[in-house]
Amino acid sequence: MTEPRNYALSDDLQLALVLADAADLISRARFSALDLVVTTKPDRTPVTDADRAVERAIRDLLAERRPDDGILGEEFGTAGSTTHQWIIDPIDGTAGFLRGIPIWATLIALAIDGVPVLGVVSAPALGKRWWAATGSGAWSSDTSAADSRETDAAPTRLHVSGIETLAEASISYGSLQQWDAAGHLDELITLSRQVWRTRAYGDMWSYMLLAEGHLDVAGEFDLQPYDMAALSPIVQEAGGTFTSVDGRSGPWHGSALATNGLLHAATLAVLNPA
């Protein structure tokens, strides 16, 4: 049972958009900064001063606006309740961020009893933001203006593609190294031989392209919950399906497989041969 709560999901989504605004102000200013501080975490992945500053800002706002909720963040771990838990990746795509590649974003999700019910993906260097809440559809907007919600441009509702066969599908697979390390490189190669086009767009962008209908399948390994929690509501509300590579629901299983829904069973079958 979930705890009684005085906030509607629409209220939480509006807060998530405010959190994304605060994150964008920090990350945009630090992108390509000459004095960017980069260190290496124990898992040998890079972290910048921007990652930490963004997560601190989000945590501070949540402490003020949702003091009874829990938080799971990439940089500062888990605190508080897991019934209503905000899941934060301050900068998804840090490796690209520190090299001046614009494919990175802040990922913000709210999970209730472990199920992500809203997600915001804000990518200021791309001038894009995507968001969704359960039952409210998936949307995107142009954030190249100072605050896109103050402009006359209406958000765009997202819909996955209608591609029905793997032979017509365009897929994004993350990286060969991840599939190899997970012991699924052969299955990926088999899939690549059955589809129309393969690319590795990387990080959150693959899943947003899928939600927009430009890709039909996206997947990768070596992921944490904060890499996926914000993506799944957007994909699902756009009409797609989001599981692990072996078909389990939720962002808790270390891998992601998103499709337009029509191709999910066929893709799972190729990636998980008997």
Protein backbone atom coordinates (compact mmCIF):
# COMPACT_ATOMS: atom_id res chain seq x y z
CA MET A 1 0.00 0.00 0.00
CA THR A 2 1.18 3.50 -0.78
CA GLU A 3 1.14 6.23 1.84
CA PRO A 4 -1.58 8.92 1.67
CA ARG A 5 -0.23 11.93 -0.22
CA ASN A 6 -1.60 15.38 -0.89
CA TYR A 7 -0.09 15.80 -4.36
CA ALA A 8 -1.68 14.81 -7.65
CA LEU A 9 0.58 13.31 -10.30
CA SER A 10 0.12 16.51 -12.32
CA ASP A 11 1.56 18.46 -9.37
CA ASP A 12 4.56 16.16 -9.28
CA LEU A 13 5.09 16.58 -13.01
CA GLN A 14 5.03 20.36 -12.69
CA LEU A 15 7.60 20.10 -9.90
CA ALA A 16 9.76 17.83 -12.06
CA LEU A 17 9.74 20.48 -14.79
CA VAL A 18 10.82 23.09 -12.23
CA LEU A 19 13.64 20.78 -11.14
CA ALA A 20 14.68 20.44 -14.78
CA ASP A 21 14.74 24.23 -15.17
CA ALA A 22 17.08 24.51 -12.19
CA ALA A 23 19.28 21.72 -13.54
CA ASP A 24 19.52 23.32 -16.98
CA LEU A 25 20.75 26.62 -15.55
CA ILE A 26 23.70 24.83 -13.95
CA SER A 27 24.55 22.28 -16.63
CA ARG A 28 24.26 24.71 -19.54
CA ALA A 29 26.68 27.12 -17.84
CA ARG A 30 29.22 24.35 -17.16
CA PHE A 31 29.07 22.69 -20.59
CA SER A 32 32.42 23.21 -22.35
CA ALA A 33 33.66 25.33 -19.43
CA LEU A 34 37.44 25.61 -19.43
CA ASP A 35 37.58 25.16 -15.66
CA LEU A 36 35.37 22.06 -15.56
CA VAL A 37 36.59 19.75 -12.79
CA VAL A 38 36.65 16.06 -13.78
CA THR A 39 37.39 13.17 -11.43
CA THR A 40 37.06 9.38 -11.65
CA LYS A 41 34.66 7.42 -9.45
CA PRO A 42 35.53 3.98 -7.98
CA ASP A 43 33.76 2.29 -10.92
CA ARG A 44 36.16 4.19 -13.24
CA THR A 45 33.42 6.32 -14.76
CA PRO A 46 33.96 10.10 -14.97
CA VAL A 47 32.14 12.66 -12.85
CA THR A 48 32.27 16.44 -13.13
CA ASP A 49 31.59 19.30 -10.76
CA ALA A 50 28.48 19.90 -12.88
CA ASP A 51 27.06 16.43 -12.09
CA ARG A 52 27.37 17.07 -8.37
CA ALA A 53 26.08 20.65 -8.52
CA VAL A 54 22.99 19.64 -10.50
CA GLU A 55 22.12 16.81 -8.13
CA ARG A 56 22.63 19.02 -5.07
CA ALA A 57 20.32 21.66 -6.53
CA ILE A 58 17.61 19.06 -7.24
CA ARG A 59 17.96 17.53 -3.78
CA ASP A 60 17.69 20.95 -2.15
CA LEU A 61 14.49 21.73 -4.04
CA LEU A 62 13.01 18.34 -3.20
CA ALA A 63 13.86 18.80 0.47
CA GLU A 64 11.85 22.02 0.34
CA ARG A 65 8.92 20.89 -1.85
CA ARG A 66 8.63 17.14 -1.07
CA PRO A 67 10.36 16.59 2.30
CA ASP A 68 8.64 13.25 2.92
CA ASP A 69 9.68 11.72 -0.41
CA GLY A 70 12.80 9.63 -0.95
CA ILE A 71 15.60 10.20 -3.43
CA LEU A 72 17.86 7.90 -5.42
CA GLY A 73 20.59 9.88 -7.16
CA GLU A 74 23.65 8.82 -9.10
CA GLU A 75 26.10 11.00 -7.19
CA PHE A 76 24.78 10.99 -3.60
CA GLY A 77 22.92 7.71 -3.27
CA THR A 78 19.63 6.83 -1.60
CA ALA A 79 17.81 8.65 1.18
CA GLY A 80 14.33 8.43 2.64
CA SER A 81 11.24 6.55 1.54
CA THR A 82 11.15 4.11 -1.34
CA THR A 83 7.36 4.40 -1.60
CA HIS A 84 7.55 7.76 -3.33
CA GLN A 85 11.08 7.99 -4.66
CA TRP A 86 12.58 10.58 -6.98
CA ILE A 87 15.25 9.01 -9.19
CA ILE A 88 17.85 11.42 -10.53
CA ASP A 89 20.67 11.24 -13.05
CA PRO A 90 22.06 14.79 -12.95
CA ILE A 91 23.91 14.44 -16.25
CA ASP A 92 23.25 11.34 -18.30
CA GLY A 93 26.08 11.21 -20.83
CA THR A 94 28.87 12.65 -18.68
CA ALA A 95 31.56 11.20 -20.96
CA GLY A 96 30.15 13.19 -23.86
CA PHE A 97 29.51 16.26 -21.70
CA LEU A 98 33.16 16.56 -20.71
CA ARG A 99 34.27 16.15 -24.34
CA GLY A 100 31.93 18.85 -25.64
CA ILE A 101 29.44 16.45 -27.24
CA PRO A 102 25.88 17.80 -26.84
CA ILE A 103 24.12 14.44 -26.34
CA TRP A 104 23.55 14.60 -22.58
CA ALA A 105 20.60 15.38 -20.33
CA THR A 106 19.28 15.57 -16.81
CA LEU A 107 16.95 12.66 -16.07
CA ILE A 108 14.25 13.08 -13.41
CA ALA A 109 11.72 10.40 -12.49
CA LEU A 110 9.23 9.71 -9.73
CA ALA A 111 8.63 6.06 -8.86
CA ILE A 112 5.74 4.92 -6.68
CA ASP A 113 6.32 1.53 -5.10
CA GLY A 114 9.15 0.98 -7.58
CA VAL A 115 7.16 1.84 -10.70
CA PRO A 116 8.21 5.02 -12.56
CA VAL A 117 5.08 7.12 -13.07
CA LEU A 118 6.63 10.25 -14.52
CA GLY A 119 9.80 11.14 -16.35
CA VAL A 120 11.51 14.29 -17.55
CA VAL A 121 14.52 14.31 -19.87
CA SER A 122 16.01 17.77 -20.32
CA ALA A 123 18.81 18.24 -22.86
CA PRO A 124 19.67 21.95 -23.00
CA ALA A 125 22.61 21.53 -25.39
CA LEU A 126 20.21 19.95 -27.88
CA GLY A 127 17.53 22.53 -27.11
CA LYS A 128 15.03 19.78 -26.28
CA ARG A 129 12.98 18.53 -23.36
CA TRP A 130 10.76 15.45 -23.18
CA TRP A 131 8.32 14.47 -20.43
CA ALA A 132 5.47 12.14 -19.56
CA ALA A 133 3.24 11.08 -16.69
CA THR A 134 1.11 7.96 -16.54
CA GLY A 135 -2.16 8.53 -18.35
CA SER A 136 -1.20 11.98 -19.66
CA GLY A 137 0.76 11.14 -22.81
CA ALA A 138 4.35 11.90 -23.75
CA TRP A 139 5.44 15.34 -24.92
CA SER A 140 8.42 17.35 -26.10
CA SER A 141 9.27 21.01 -26.42
CA ASP A 142 11.96 23.30 -27.74
CA THR A 143 14.04 24.73 -24.88
CA SER A 144 16.32 26.89 -26.98
CA ALA A 145 14.41 29.89 -25.61
CA ALA A 146 15.15 30.91 -22.03
CA ASP A 147 11.95 29.18 -20.89
CA SER A 148 10.04 27.33 -23.58
CA ARG A 149 6.92 27.23 -21.43
CA GLU A 150 6.74 31.03 -21.62
CA THR A 151 6.78 31.05 -25.43
CA ASP A 152 3.82 30.60 -27.77
CA ALA A 153 5.11 27.26 -29.06
CA ALA A 154 2.85 24.41 -28.03
CA PRO A 155 4.41 21.12 -26.87
CA THR A 156 4.41 18.26 -29.35
CA ARG A 157 2.72 15.00 -28.42
CA LEU A 158 4.90 11.97 -29.08
CA HIS A 159 3.97 8.75 -30.83
CA VAL A 160 6.14 5.74 -31.58
CA SER A 161 6.43 4.42 -35.12
CA GLY A 162 4.07 1.99 -36.79
CA ILE A 163 6.81 -0.26 -38.18
CA GLU A 164 5.66 -3.88 -37.92
CA THR A 165 8.60 -5.97 -39.14
CA LEU A 166 12.24 -6.17 -38.12
CA ALA A 167 13.21 -6.00 -41.78
CA GLU A 168 11.94 -2.40 -41.85
CA ALA A 169 13.25 -1.42 -38.42
CA SER A 170 15.91 1.10 -37.48
CA ILE A 171 17.67 0.28 -34.19
CA SER A 172 20.15 1.87 -31.80
CA TYR A 173 22.26 -0.41 -29.66
CA GLY A 174 24.39 1.75 -27.33
CA SER A 175 27.86 0.28 -27.63
CA LEU A 176 29.38 -2.98 -28.83
CA GLN A 177 31.54 -3.15 -25.69
CA GLN A 178 28.47 -3.29 -23.44
CA TRP A 179 26.83 -6.08 -25.42
CA ASP A 180 30.12 -7.99 -25.55
CA ALA A 181 30.71 -7.66 -21.80
CA ALA A 182 27.16 -8.87 -21.13
CA GLY A 183 27.69 -11.94 -23.32
CA HIS A 184 25.08 -10.86 -25.88
CA LEU A 185 27.22 -9.64 -28.75
CA ASP A 186 26.33 -12.61 -30.96
CA GLU A 187 22.62 -11.96 -30.43
CA LEU A 188 23.07 -8.30 -31.29
CA ILE A 189 24.85 -9.22 -34.51
CA THR A 190 22.05 -11.65 -35.35
CA LEU A 191 19.53 -8.87 -34.79
CA SER A 192 21.56 -6.47 -36.92
CA ARG A 193 21.33 -8.89 -39.83
CA GLN A 194 17.55 -8.90 -39.63
CA VAL A 195 16.87 -5.17 -39.47
CA TRP A 196 17.03 -2.34 -41.98
CA ARG A 197 19.46 -0.04 -40.19
CA THR A 198 21.71 -0.02 -37.12
CA ARG A 199 23.20 2.97 -35.33
CA ALA A 200 24.57 3.77 -31.87
CA TYR A 201 23.09 7.15 -30.98
CA GLY A 202 23.94 6.81 -27.34
CA ASP A 203 22.59 7.52 -23.85
CA MET A 204 19.07 8.94 -23.45
CA TRP A 205 18.83 10.18 -27.03
CA SER A 206 18.14 6.74 -28.51
CA TYR A 207 15.04 6.34 -26.37
CA MET A 208 13.75 9.84 -27.08
CA LEU A 209 14.20 9.26 -30.82
CA LEU A 210 12.20 6.07 -30.38
CA ALA A 211 9.43 7.91 -28.50
CA GLU A 212 9.33 10.45 -31.34
CA GLY A 213 8.90 7.66 -33.90
CA HIS A 214 12.29 8.07 -35.58
CA LEU A 215 13.69 4.74 -34.29
CA ASP A 216 11.92 1.45 -33.74
CA VAL A 217 14.18 -0.42 -31.27
CA ALA A 218 16.74 0.78 -28.71
CA GLY A 219 18.65 -1.23 -26.15
CA GLU A 220 21.79 -1.51 -24.08
CA PHE A 221 23.44 -3.10 -21.06
CA ASP A 222 25.40 -1.90 -18.02
CA LEU A 223 22.69 0.47 -16.81
CA GLN A 224 21.58 1.66 -13.39
CA PRO A 225 18.01 2.56 -12.34
CA TYR A 226 18.77 6.27 -12.64
CA ASP A 227 19.78 5.70 -16.29
CA MET A 228 16.35 4.30 -17.13
CA ALA A 229 13.65 5.45 -14.71
CA ALA A 230 12.87 8.71 -16.54
CA LEU A 231 12.95 7.05 -19.96
CA SER A 232 10.37 4.33 -19.41
CA PRO A 233 7.29 6.54 -18.80
CA ILE A 234 8.11 8.61 -21.88
CA VAL A 235 8.48 5.54 -24.10
CA GLN A 236 5.36 3.90 -22.68
CA GLU A 237 3.17 7.00 -22.85
CA ALA A 238 4.27 7.43 -26.48
CA GLY A 239 2.83 3.96 -27.14
CA GLY A 240 5.99 1.88 -26.84
CA THR A 241 7.21 -0.90 -24.59
CA PHE A 242 10.13 -0.69 -22.14
CA THR A 243 11.67 -3.72 -20.42
CA SER A 244 15.05 -5.22 -19.70
CA VAL A 245 16.74 -7.13 -22.52
CA ASP A 246 15.35 -10.34 -21.05
CA GLY A 247 11.83 -8.94 -20.84
CA ARG A 248 11.44 -7.90 -17.20
CA SER A 249 9.57 -4.70 -16.42
CA GLY A 250 10.99 -1.74 -14.57
CA PRO A 251 14.39 -0.01 -14.45
CA TRP A 252 15.91 -2.40 -11.89
CA HIS A 253 17.49 -5.15 -13.98
CA GLY A 254 20.66 -3.63 -15.46
CA SER A 255 19.61 -3.39 -19.10
CA ALA A 256 17.03 -1.71 -21.30
CA LEU A 257 15.07 -2.73 -24.36
CA ALA A 258 12.60 -0.22 -25.76
CA THR A 259 10.55 -0.74 -28.88
CA ASN A 260 7.49 0.68 -30.60
CA GLY A 261 5.59 -2.21 -28.98
CA LEU A 262 4.83 -3.90 -32.29
CA LEU A 263 8.39 -5.25 -32.48
CA HIS A 264 8.95 -6.11 -28.84
CA ALA A 265 8.16 -9.82 -28.92
CA ALA A 266 10.17 -10.37 -32.10
CA THR A 267 13.17 -8.46 -30.73
CA LEU A 268 13.09 -10.34 -27.42
CA ALA A 269 12.99 -13.61 -29.33
CA VAL A 270 16.15 -12.75 -31.26
CA LEU A 271 18.02 -11.47 -28.22
CA ASN A 272 16.98 -14.39 -26.00
CA PRO A 273 17.23 -17.53 -28.14
CA ALA A 274 16.12 -20.77 -26.52
